N, C-alpha and C. Protein backbone atom coordinates (compact mmCIF):
# COMPACT_ATOMS: atom_id res chain seq x y z
N MET A 1 0.19 -1.38 1.38
CA MET A 1 -0.90 -0.57 0.90
C MET A 1 -1.87 -0.32 2.05
N LEU A 2 -2.28 0.89 2.21
CA LEU A 2 -3.18 1.25 3.29
C LEU A 2 -4.61 0.85 2.95
N ALA A 3 -5.36 0.47 3.99
CA ALA A 3 -6.76 0.09 3.83
C ALA A 3 -7.59 0.91 4.81
N TYR A 4 -8.90 0.69 4.78
CA TYR A 4 -9.78 1.52 5.60
C TYR A 4 -9.46 1.42 7.09
N ARG A 5 -8.90 0.30 7.53
CA ARG A 5 -8.53 0.17 8.95
C ARG A 5 -7.37 1.10 9.32
N ASP A 6 -6.71 1.68 8.33
CA ASP A 6 -5.61 2.63 8.56
C ASP A 6 -6.08 4.07 8.46
N ALA A 7 -7.38 4.31 8.57
CA ALA A 7 -7.95 5.64 8.35
C ALA A 7 -7.36 6.69 9.27
N LYS A 8 -7.17 6.38 10.54
CA LYS A 8 -6.64 7.37 11.48
C LYS A 8 -5.20 7.73 11.12
N THR A 9 -4.42 6.76 10.73
CA THR A 9 -3.04 7.02 10.30
C THR A 9 -3.05 7.90 9.05
N MET A 10 -3.97 7.61 8.14
CA MET A 10 -4.07 8.41 6.92
C MET A 10 -4.46 9.85 7.24
N ALA A 11 -5.39 10.01 8.17
CA ALA A 11 -5.83 11.36 8.55
C ALA A 11 -4.67 12.14 9.17
N LYS A 12 -3.90 11.49 10.03
CA LYS A 12 -2.75 12.16 10.65
C LYS A 12 -1.72 12.54 9.60
N ALA A 13 -1.43 11.62 8.67
CA ALA A 13 -0.46 11.91 7.61
C ALA A 13 -0.93 13.09 6.76
N MET A 14 -2.23 13.15 6.48
CA MET A 14 -2.76 14.26 5.69
C MET A 14 -2.60 15.57 6.46
N ARG A 15 -2.94 15.57 7.74
CA ARG A 15 -2.81 16.79 8.54
C ARG A 15 -1.35 17.25 8.58
N ASP A 16 -0.42 16.30 8.74
CA ASP A 16 1.02 16.65 8.78
C ASP A 16 1.48 17.23 7.45
N ALA A 17 1.04 16.62 6.35
CA ALA A 17 1.43 17.11 5.02
C ALA A 17 0.87 18.51 4.77
N LEU A 18 -0.38 18.74 5.20
CA LEU A 18 -0.97 20.07 5.02
C LEU A 18 -0.28 21.09 5.92
N ALA A 19 0.08 20.69 7.13
CA ALA A 19 0.77 21.60 8.05
C ALA A 19 2.11 22.04 7.48
N ASP A 20 2.78 21.13 6.77
CA ASP A 20 4.05 21.49 6.11
C ASP A 20 3.85 22.59 5.07
N ARG A 21 2.62 22.74 4.61
CA ARG A 21 2.30 23.77 3.62
C ARG A 21 1.53 24.93 4.26
N ASP A 22 1.60 25.01 5.58
CA ASP A 22 0.94 26.06 6.35
C ASP A 22 -0.58 26.04 6.18
N LEU A 23 -1.15 24.85 6.02
CA LEU A 23 -2.60 24.67 5.97
C LEU A 23 -2.99 23.84 7.19
N THR A 24 -4.02 24.27 7.88
CA THR A 24 -4.42 23.57 9.10
C THR A 24 -5.87 23.13 8.97
N ILE A 25 -6.10 21.84 9.29
CA ILE A 25 -7.47 21.32 9.41
C ILE A 25 -7.52 20.55 10.72
N SER A 26 -8.71 20.42 11.26
CA SER A 26 -8.86 19.67 12.51
C SER A 26 -8.76 18.18 12.23
N HIS A 27 -8.53 17.43 13.30
CA HIS A 27 -8.46 15.98 13.17
C HIS A 27 -9.79 15.43 12.65
N SER A 28 -10.90 15.97 13.15
CA SER A 28 -12.21 15.48 12.70
C SER A 28 -12.44 15.79 11.22
N GLU A 29 -11.97 16.95 10.75
CA GLU A 29 -12.10 17.27 9.32
C GLU A 29 -11.29 16.28 8.48
N ALA A 30 -10.11 15.96 8.96
CA ALA A 30 -9.27 14.99 8.24
C ALA A 30 -9.94 13.63 8.18
N LEU A 31 -10.55 13.20 9.29
CA LEU A 31 -11.25 11.91 9.30
C LEU A 31 -12.43 11.91 8.33
N GLU A 32 -13.16 13.01 8.25
CA GLU A 32 -14.28 13.12 7.31
C GLU A 32 -13.78 12.99 5.87
N ILE A 33 -12.65 13.63 5.56
CA ILE A 33 -12.08 13.56 4.20
C ILE A 33 -11.68 12.14 3.87
N VAL A 34 -11.02 11.47 4.81
CA VAL A 34 -10.59 10.09 4.59
C VAL A 34 -11.82 9.20 4.35
N ALA A 35 -12.87 9.40 5.13
CA ALA A 35 -14.09 8.60 4.93
C ALA A 35 -14.62 8.78 3.52
N ARG A 36 -14.64 10.01 3.03
CA ARG A 36 -15.11 10.26 1.66
C ARG A 36 -14.20 9.61 0.63
N GLN A 37 -12.89 9.56 0.92
CA GLN A 37 -11.97 8.90 -0.01
C GLN A 37 -12.28 7.41 -0.15
N PHE A 38 -12.83 6.84 0.89
CA PHE A 38 -13.24 5.43 0.83
C PHE A 38 -14.66 5.27 0.31
N GLY A 39 -15.25 6.36 -0.15
CA GLY A 39 -16.58 6.30 -0.75
C GLY A 39 -17.71 6.27 0.25
N LEU A 40 -17.43 6.66 1.49
CA LEU A 40 -18.47 6.65 2.53
C LEU A 40 -18.91 8.08 2.81
N ALA A 41 -20.12 8.22 3.32
CA ALA A 41 -20.71 9.54 3.51
C ALA A 41 -20.03 10.34 4.62
N ASN A 42 -19.59 9.66 5.69
CA ASN A 42 -18.97 10.39 6.79
C ASN A 42 -18.13 9.47 7.67
N TRP A 43 -17.46 10.10 8.63
CA TRP A 43 -16.56 9.37 9.52
C TRP A 43 -17.31 8.35 10.37
N ASN A 44 -18.52 8.65 10.79
CA ASN A 44 -19.26 7.71 11.64
C ASN A 44 -19.46 6.36 10.95
N ILE A 45 -19.73 6.39 9.67
CA ILE A 45 -19.93 5.14 8.93
C ILE A 45 -18.61 4.38 8.82
N LEU A 46 -17.54 5.10 8.52
CA LEU A 46 -16.23 4.45 8.42
C LEU A 46 -15.80 3.91 9.78
N SER A 47 -16.03 4.65 10.83
CA SER A 47 -15.67 4.22 12.17
C SER A 47 -16.38 2.92 12.54
N ALA A 48 -17.66 2.82 12.20
CA ALA A 48 -18.42 1.59 12.47
C ALA A 48 -17.84 0.42 11.70
N LYS A 49 -17.43 0.68 10.48
CA LYS A 49 -16.82 -0.38 9.66
C LYS A 49 -15.51 -0.84 10.27
N ILE A 50 -14.72 0.10 10.79
CA ILE A 50 -13.43 -0.24 11.40
C ILE A 50 -13.65 -1.07 12.66
N GLU A 51 -14.64 -0.70 13.45
CA GLU A 51 -14.88 -1.37 14.72
C GLU A 51 -15.56 -2.72 14.56
N ALA A 52 -16.19 -2.96 13.41
CA ALA A 52 -16.90 -4.22 13.20
C ALA A 52 -15.90 -5.37 13.14
N PRO A 53 -16.30 -6.54 13.61
CA PRO A 53 -15.39 -7.69 13.48
C PRO A 53 -15.13 -7.97 12.01
N LEU A 54 -14.01 -8.60 11.74
CA LEU A 54 -13.67 -8.91 10.36
C LEU A 54 -14.78 -9.72 9.72
N ALA A 55 -15.19 -9.29 8.56
CA ALA A 55 -16.23 -10.00 7.83
C ALA A 55 -15.67 -11.33 7.33
N ARG A 56 -16.54 -12.25 7.10
CA ARG A 56 -16.12 -13.58 6.65
C ARG A 56 -15.29 -13.50 5.37
N GLN A 57 -15.69 -12.64 4.44
CA GLN A 57 -14.97 -12.55 3.17
C GLN A 57 -13.52 -12.11 3.36
N GLU A 58 -13.23 -11.39 4.44
CA GLU A 58 -11.86 -10.95 4.68
C GLU A 58 -11.00 -12.06 5.27
N THR A 59 -11.61 -13.15 5.69
CA THR A 59 -10.84 -14.26 6.22
C THR A 59 -10.66 -15.36 5.18
N VAL A 60 -11.32 -15.24 4.04
CA VAL A 60 -11.16 -16.21 2.96
C VAL A 60 -9.83 -15.94 2.27
N ILE A 61 -9.04 -16.97 2.11
CA ILE A 61 -7.72 -16.82 1.52
C ILE A 61 -7.62 -17.74 0.30
N PHE A 62 -7.36 -17.16 -0.84
CA PHE A 62 -7.14 -17.94 -2.05
C PHE A 62 -5.65 -18.24 -2.14
N GLU A 63 -5.30 -19.50 -2.18
CA GLU A 63 -3.90 -19.88 -2.12
C GLU A 63 -3.22 -20.01 -3.48
N ARG A 64 -3.93 -20.56 -4.46
CA ARG A 64 -3.29 -20.80 -5.74
C ARG A 64 -4.36 -21.00 -6.80
N THR A 65 -4.03 -20.69 -8.03
CA THR A 65 -4.92 -20.90 -9.16
C THR A 65 -4.28 -21.94 -10.08
N ALA A 66 -5.08 -22.79 -10.66
CA ALA A 66 -4.57 -23.77 -11.62
C ALA A 66 -5.50 -23.76 -12.84
N PRO A 67 -5.26 -22.85 -13.79
CA PRO A 67 -6.09 -22.83 -14.99
C PRO A 67 -5.97 -24.15 -15.77
N ILE A 68 -7.08 -24.55 -16.37
CA ILE A 68 -7.07 -25.74 -17.22
C ILE A 68 -6.84 -25.28 -18.65
N VAL A 69 -5.89 -25.89 -19.31
CA VAL A 69 -5.51 -25.55 -20.68
C VAL A 69 -5.78 -26.76 -21.56
N ARG A 70 -6.51 -26.57 -22.62
CA ARG A 70 -6.87 -27.68 -23.53
C ARG A 70 -5.69 -27.99 -24.44
N ILE A 71 -5.35 -29.26 -24.50
CA ILE A 71 -4.29 -29.74 -25.39
C ILE A 71 -4.85 -30.87 -26.25
N PHE A 72 -4.16 -31.16 -27.37
CA PHE A 72 -4.61 -32.23 -28.26
C PHE A 72 -3.53 -33.27 -28.53
N ASP A 73 -2.29 -32.94 -28.19
CA ASP A 73 -1.17 -33.82 -28.50
C ASP A 73 -0.18 -33.73 -27.36
N VAL A 74 0.01 -34.83 -26.65
CA VAL A 74 0.87 -34.83 -25.46
C VAL A 74 2.31 -34.50 -25.83
N ALA A 75 2.82 -35.04 -26.90
CA ALA A 75 4.21 -34.77 -27.29
C ALA A 75 4.43 -33.28 -27.57
N LYS A 76 3.52 -32.68 -28.30
CA LYS A 76 3.65 -31.24 -28.59
C LYS A 76 3.50 -30.41 -27.31
N ALA A 77 2.58 -30.82 -26.43
CA ALA A 77 2.40 -30.11 -25.16
C ALA A 77 3.66 -30.20 -24.32
N HIS A 78 4.26 -31.38 -24.26
CA HIS A 78 5.50 -31.54 -23.49
C HIS A 78 6.64 -30.73 -24.11
N GLU A 79 6.73 -30.72 -25.42
CA GLU A 79 7.77 -29.94 -26.08
C GLU A 79 7.65 -28.46 -25.70
N PHE A 80 6.42 -27.95 -25.69
CA PHE A 80 6.20 -26.54 -25.40
C PHE A 80 6.31 -26.23 -23.91
N TYR A 81 5.51 -26.90 -23.08
CA TYR A 81 5.43 -26.56 -21.66
C TYR A 81 6.66 -27.01 -20.87
N LEU A 82 7.16 -28.20 -21.18
CA LEU A 82 8.33 -28.70 -20.43
C LEU A 82 9.63 -28.22 -21.07
N GLY A 83 9.76 -28.44 -22.37
CA GLY A 83 11.00 -28.09 -23.04
C GLY A 83 11.22 -26.60 -23.18
N PHE A 84 10.23 -25.89 -23.71
CA PHE A 84 10.39 -24.45 -23.98
C PHE A 84 10.18 -23.59 -22.74
N LEU A 85 9.06 -23.78 -22.03
CA LEU A 85 8.77 -22.92 -20.89
C LEU A 85 9.42 -23.37 -19.59
N GLY A 86 9.92 -24.59 -19.53
CA GLY A 86 10.65 -25.04 -18.35
C GLY A 86 9.80 -25.57 -17.21
N PHE A 87 8.57 -25.99 -17.49
CA PHE A 87 7.72 -26.59 -16.46
C PHE A 87 8.18 -28.02 -16.20
N THR A 88 7.72 -28.58 -15.10
CA THR A 88 7.91 -30.00 -14.81
C THR A 88 6.55 -30.64 -14.58
N VAL A 89 6.46 -31.93 -14.83
CA VAL A 89 5.22 -32.67 -14.61
C VAL A 89 5.12 -33.01 -13.13
N ASP A 90 4.01 -32.60 -12.50
CA ASP A 90 3.78 -32.93 -11.10
C ASP A 90 3.06 -34.27 -10.98
N TRP A 91 2.08 -34.49 -11.82
CA TRP A 91 1.37 -35.76 -11.86
C TRP A 91 0.59 -35.87 -13.18
N GLU A 92 0.24 -37.10 -13.52
CA GLU A 92 -0.56 -37.38 -14.71
C GLU A 92 -1.67 -38.34 -14.33
N HIS A 93 -2.81 -38.22 -15.02
CA HIS A 93 -3.92 -39.12 -14.74
C HIS A 93 -4.62 -39.48 -16.05
N ARG A 94 -4.91 -40.77 -16.18
CA ARG A 94 -5.75 -41.29 -17.25
C ARG A 94 -6.70 -42.30 -16.60
N HIS A 95 -7.92 -42.38 -17.08
CA HIS A 95 -8.87 -43.34 -16.53
C HIS A 95 -8.54 -44.76 -16.95
N GLY A 96 -7.69 -44.93 -17.93
CA GLY A 96 -7.30 -46.25 -18.40
C GLY A 96 -6.48 -46.09 -19.68
N ASP A 97 -6.07 -47.22 -20.24
CA ASP A 97 -5.33 -47.19 -21.51
C ASP A 97 -6.19 -46.54 -22.58
N HIS A 98 -5.57 -45.76 -23.42
CA HIS A 98 -6.22 -45.11 -24.55
C HIS A 98 -7.31 -44.11 -24.12
N PHE A 99 -7.13 -43.51 -22.94
CA PHE A 99 -8.01 -42.45 -22.46
C PHE A 99 -7.25 -41.12 -22.52
N PRO A 100 -7.96 -40.01 -22.53
CA PRO A 100 -7.29 -38.71 -22.57
C PRO A 100 -6.47 -38.46 -21.31
N LEU A 101 -5.43 -37.66 -21.48
CA LEU A 101 -4.54 -37.30 -20.38
C LEU A 101 -5.07 -36.06 -19.65
N TYR A 102 -4.93 -36.07 -18.34
CA TYR A 102 -5.14 -34.88 -17.50
C TYR A 102 -3.91 -34.81 -16.61
N THR A 103 -3.18 -33.70 -16.69
CA THR A 103 -1.90 -33.62 -15.99
C THR A 103 -1.71 -32.24 -15.37
N GLN A 104 -0.90 -32.20 -14.33
CA GLN A 104 -0.52 -30.92 -13.74
C GLN A 104 0.95 -30.68 -14.01
N VAL A 105 1.25 -29.48 -14.52
CA VAL A 105 2.63 -29.05 -14.72
C VAL A 105 2.84 -27.78 -13.91
N SER A 106 4.08 -27.56 -13.49
CA SER A 106 4.34 -26.36 -12.69
C SER A 106 5.76 -25.88 -12.91
N ARG A 107 5.91 -24.60 -12.60
CA ARG A 107 7.23 -23.98 -12.56
C ARG A 107 7.14 -22.94 -11.44
N GLY A 108 7.87 -23.17 -10.37
CA GLY A 108 7.75 -22.29 -9.22
C GLY A 108 6.32 -22.33 -8.70
N ASN A 109 5.74 -21.15 -8.50
CA ASN A 109 4.37 -21.06 -8.00
C ASN A 109 3.31 -21.11 -9.09
N LEU A 110 3.72 -21.20 -10.33
CA LEU A 110 2.77 -21.24 -11.43
C LEU A 110 2.39 -22.69 -11.72
N VAL A 111 1.08 -22.97 -11.61
CA VAL A 111 0.56 -24.32 -11.81
C VAL A 111 -0.47 -24.27 -12.93
N LEU A 112 -0.37 -25.20 -13.88
CA LEU A 112 -1.35 -25.32 -14.95
C LEU A 112 -1.82 -26.77 -15.01
N HIS A 113 -3.08 -26.95 -15.35
CA HIS A 113 -3.60 -28.28 -15.64
C HIS A 113 -3.77 -28.37 -17.15
N LEU A 114 -3.17 -29.38 -17.74
CA LEU A 114 -3.29 -29.62 -19.18
C LEU A 114 -4.23 -30.79 -19.38
N SER A 115 -5.20 -30.62 -20.27
CA SER A 115 -6.21 -31.66 -20.42
C SER A 115 -6.50 -31.96 -21.89
N GLU A 116 -6.55 -33.25 -22.19
CA GLU A 116 -7.00 -33.71 -23.50
C GLU A 116 -8.51 -33.96 -23.50
N HIS A 117 -9.17 -33.82 -22.36
CA HIS A 117 -10.60 -34.10 -22.26
C HIS A 117 -11.43 -33.02 -22.95
N ALA A 118 -12.30 -33.44 -23.86
CA ALA A 118 -13.22 -32.50 -24.50
C ALA A 118 -14.11 -31.87 -23.44
N GLY A 119 -14.27 -30.58 -23.52
CA GLY A 119 -15.14 -29.89 -22.58
C GLY A 119 -14.44 -29.33 -21.35
N ASP A 120 -13.20 -29.72 -21.09
CA ASP A 120 -12.50 -29.19 -19.92
C ASP A 120 -12.11 -27.73 -20.12
N ALA A 121 -11.78 -27.36 -21.31
CA ALA A 121 -11.39 -25.99 -21.62
C ALA A 121 -11.56 -25.79 -23.12
N THR A 122 -11.53 -24.54 -23.54
CA THR A 122 -11.67 -24.23 -24.95
C THR A 122 -10.32 -23.87 -25.52
N PRO A 123 -9.92 -24.46 -26.63
CA PRO A 123 -8.66 -24.05 -27.25
C PRO A 123 -8.71 -22.58 -27.63
N GLY A 124 -7.58 -21.94 -27.60
CA GLY A 124 -7.52 -20.52 -27.94
C GLY A 124 -7.80 -19.62 -26.76
N GLY A 125 -7.68 -20.16 -25.55
CA GLY A 125 -7.91 -19.36 -24.34
C GLY A 125 -6.77 -18.38 -24.10
N ASN A 126 -6.99 -17.48 -23.16
CA ASN A 126 -5.99 -16.48 -22.79
C ASN A 126 -5.82 -16.47 -21.28
N MET A 127 -4.61 -16.19 -20.84
CA MET A 127 -4.38 -15.99 -19.41
C MET A 127 -3.24 -15.01 -19.24
N VAL A 128 -3.25 -14.31 -18.10
CA VAL A 128 -2.17 -13.41 -17.74
C VAL A 128 -1.51 -13.97 -16.49
N VAL A 129 -0.18 -14.05 -16.51
CA VAL A 129 0.58 -14.53 -15.37
C VAL A 129 1.47 -13.39 -14.91
N TYR A 130 1.19 -12.86 -13.71
CA TYR A 130 2.03 -11.80 -13.15
C TYR A 130 3.25 -12.43 -12.52
N MET A 131 4.39 -11.81 -12.75
CA MET A 131 5.64 -12.41 -12.29
C MET A 131 6.69 -11.35 -12.01
N LYS A 132 7.80 -11.79 -11.47
CA LYS A 132 9.00 -10.96 -11.30
C LYS A 132 10.11 -11.65 -12.10
N GLY A 133 11.08 -10.85 -12.57
CA GLY A 133 12.21 -11.42 -13.30
C GLY A 133 11.91 -11.69 -14.76
N ILE A 134 11.04 -10.91 -15.35
CA ILE A 134 10.60 -11.19 -16.72
C ILE A 134 11.74 -11.00 -17.73
N ARG A 135 12.66 -10.08 -17.47
CA ARG A 135 13.79 -9.90 -18.41
C ARG A 135 14.64 -11.17 -18.47
N ASP A 136 14.91 -11.76 -17.31
CA ASP A 136 15.67 -13.01 -17.29
C ASP A 136 14.89 -14.14 -17.95
N PHE A 137 13.58 -14.17 -17.72
CA PHE A 137 12.72 -15.18 -18.34
C PHE A 137 12.75 -15.04 -19.86
N HIS A 138 12.64 -13.81 -20.34
CA HIS A 138 12.69 -13.56 -21.78
C HIS A 138 14.03 -14.01 -22.35
N GLU A 139 15.10 -13.68 -21.66
CA GLU A 139 16.44 -14.09 -22.12
C GLU A 139 16.56 -15.61 -22.16
N GLU A 140 15.99 -16.28 -21.16
CA GLU A 140 15.99 -17.74 -21.13
C GLU A 140 15.26 -18.31 -22.34
N LEU A 141 14.06 -17.78 -22.62
CA LEU A 141 13.29 -18.28 -23.77
C LEU A 141 13.99 -17.98 -25.09
N ALA A 142 14.58 -16.80 -25.19
CA ALA A 142 15.28 -16.42 -26.43
C ALA A 142 16.47 -17.33 -26.69
N GLY A 143 17.06 -17.86 -25.63
CA GLY A 143 18.22 -18.74 -25.77
C GLY A 143 17.87 -20.16 -26.14
N LYS A 144 16.60 -20.49 -26.11
CA LYS A 144 16.18 -21.86 -26.46
C LYS A 144 15.96 -21.95 -27.96
N ASN A 145 16.20 -23.12 -28.48
CA ASN A 145 16.05 -23.33 -29.92
C ASN A 145 14.69 -23.95 -30.21
N TYR A 146 13.64 -23.25 -29.79
CA TYR A 146 12.27 -23.72 -30.05
C TYR A 146 11.83 -23.10 -31.37
N ARG A 147 11.66 -23.90 -32.37
CA ARG A 147 11.47 -23.38 -33.73
C ARG A 147 10.13 -22.73 -33.98
N TYR A 148 9.15 -22.93 -33.10
CA TYR A 148 7.81 -22.40 -33.34
C TYR A 148 7.52 -21.08 -32.64
N MET A 149 8.44 -20.62 -31.80
CA MET A 149 8.13 -19.44 -31.00
C MET A 149 9.41 -18.69 -30.65
N LYS A 150 9.43 -17.43 -30.99
CA LYS A 150 10.53 -16.52 -30.62
C LYS A 150 9.87 -15.26 -30.04
N PRO A 151 9.41 -15.32 -28.78
CA PRO A 151 8.65 -14.19 -28.23
C PRO A 151 9.52 -12.97 -27.98
N GLY A 152 8.91 -11.81 -28.16
CA GLY A 152 9.58 -10.56 -27.87
C GLY A 152 9.27 -10.10 -26.46
N LEU A 153 9.92 -9.04 -26.06
CA LEU A 153 9.68 -8.41 -24.77
C LEU A 153 9.08 -7.04 -25.05
N GLU A 154 7.81 -6.86 -24.70
CA GLU A 154 7.11 -5.60 -24.92
C GLU A 154 7.18 -4.76 -23.65
N ASP A 155 7.42 -3.47 -23.82
CA ASP A 155 7.48 -2.54 -22.69
C ASP A 155 6.50 -1.42 -22.96
N GLU A 156 5.37 -1.44 -22.22
CA GLU A 156 4.33 -0.45 -22.46
C GLU A 156 3.72 0.01 -21.13
N ASP A 157 3.78 1.29 -20.88
CA ASP A 157 3.12 1.90 -19.72
C ASP A 157 3.46 1.21 -18.40
N GLY A 158 4.74 0.94 -18.18
CA GLY A 158 5.14 0.33 -16.91
C GLY A 158 4.83 -1.14 -16.79
N ARG A 159 4.55 -1.81 -17.93
CA ARG A 159 4.30 -3.24 -17.96
C ARG A 159 5.26 -3.88 -18.94
N LEU A 160 6.00 -4.85 -18.49
CA LEU A 160 6.82 -5.67 -19.38
C LEU A 160 6.04 -6.95 -19.66
N THR A 161 5.93 -7.31 -20.92
CA THR A 161 5.12 -8.47 -21.30
C THR A 161 5.87 -9.36 -22.27
N VAL A 162 5.82 -10.65 -22.01
CA VAL A 162 6.28 -11.68 -22.94
C VAL A 162 5.06 -12.55 -23.21
N GLU A 163 4.61 -12.58 -24.46
CA GLU A 163 3.45 -13.39 -24.81
C GLU A 163 3.89 -14.60 -25.61
N VAL A 164 3.37 -15.75 -25.21
CA VAL A 164 3.63 -17.00 -25.93
C VAL A 164 2.29 -17.61 -26.32
N ILE A 165 2.33 -18.41 -27.38
CA ILE A 165 1.13 -19.11 -27.85
C ILE A 165 1.51 -20.57 -27.98
N ASP A 166 0.78 -21.43 -27.29
CA ASP A 166 1.12 -22.85 -27.34
C ASP A 166 0.64 -23.47 -28.66
N PRO A 167 0.99 -24.71 -28.92
CA PRO A 167 0.60 -25.35 -30.20
C PRO A 167 -0.91 -25.49 -30.38
N PHE A 168 -1.70 -25.17 -29.35
CA PHE A 168 -3.15 -25.35 -29.41
C PHE A 168 -3.86 -23.99 -29.40
N SER A 169 -3.11 -22.94 -29.71
CA SER A 169 -3.60 -21.55 -29.81
C SER A 169 -3.99 -20.93 -28.47
N ASN A 170 -3.48 -21.47 -27.37
CA ASN A 170 -3.69 -20.87 -26.06
C ASN A 170 -2.63 -19.81 -25.83
N HIS A 171 -3.04 -18.61 -25.43
CA HIS A 171 -2.13 -17.49 -25.22
C HIS A 171 -1.81 -17.35 -23.74
N ILE A 172 -0.53 -17.16 -23.43
CA ILE A 172 -0.12 -16.86 -22.05
C ILE A 172 0.67 -15.57 -22.11
N ARG A 173 0.20 -14.56 -21.37
CA ARG A 173 0.91 -13.30 -21.27
C ARG A 173 1.61 -13.24 -19.92
N PHE A 174 2.91 -13.38 -19.94
CA PHE A 174 3.70 -13.22 -18.72
C PHE A 174 3.92 -11.72 -18.57
N MET A 175 3.60 -11.18 -17.40
CA MET A 175 3.62 -9.73 -17.24
C MET A 175 4.27 -9.35 -15.91
N GLU A 176 5.12 -8.34 -15.99
CA GLU A 176 5.72 -7.76 -14.79
C GLU A 176 5.38 -6.28 -14.77
N ILE A 177 4.81 -5.82 -13.66
CA ILE A 177 4.49 -4.42 -13.48
C ILE A 177 5.74 -3.75 -12.93
N THR A 178 6.29 -2.82 -13.70
CA THR A 178 7.54 -2.18 -13.28
C THR A 178 7.32 -0.77 -12.74
N GLY A 179 6.24 -0.12 -13.16
CA GLY A 179 5.95 1.22 -12.70
C GLY A 179 6.91 2.25 -13.26
N GLU A 180 7.70 1.89 -14.25
CA GLU A 180 8.67 2.82 -14.84
C GLU A 180 8.01 3.74 -15.81
């Protein structure tokens, strides 16, 4: 995907595309148009932005998200997250005997924290998980004999979605953008 640092390349591509249609604009006109496409008043402002050192926010890298999901029953959570969805337990923590569980489960790059602790999360939450291979995932879930959930595969506006609801009313929408 092109960004503002690709402005000169974009201007050249625009000039070439217009020339193919027997329309001619100067390089400076093309640069002015590209600047406006980025919401800036003119090329001078965009040029200064391009020449500026990378801002701190552009060097910040978010590596992974681990949403906290409220659970009330470890056996039911394991049946759903491990048995049905195919996650594995990475670690578990309790402050002592007869204390609530806080655990991390994962499948591939998807990491969730499941918590019995009051206040960690609200039951009935929602999350969207973008993924690839959703048709295979749907087929995998359909082949399991999980009596509480038989999710469908929705195809709407270039998005394939499989929605599941855990035993604690938390919704997870697995979504693949297909662009079809």
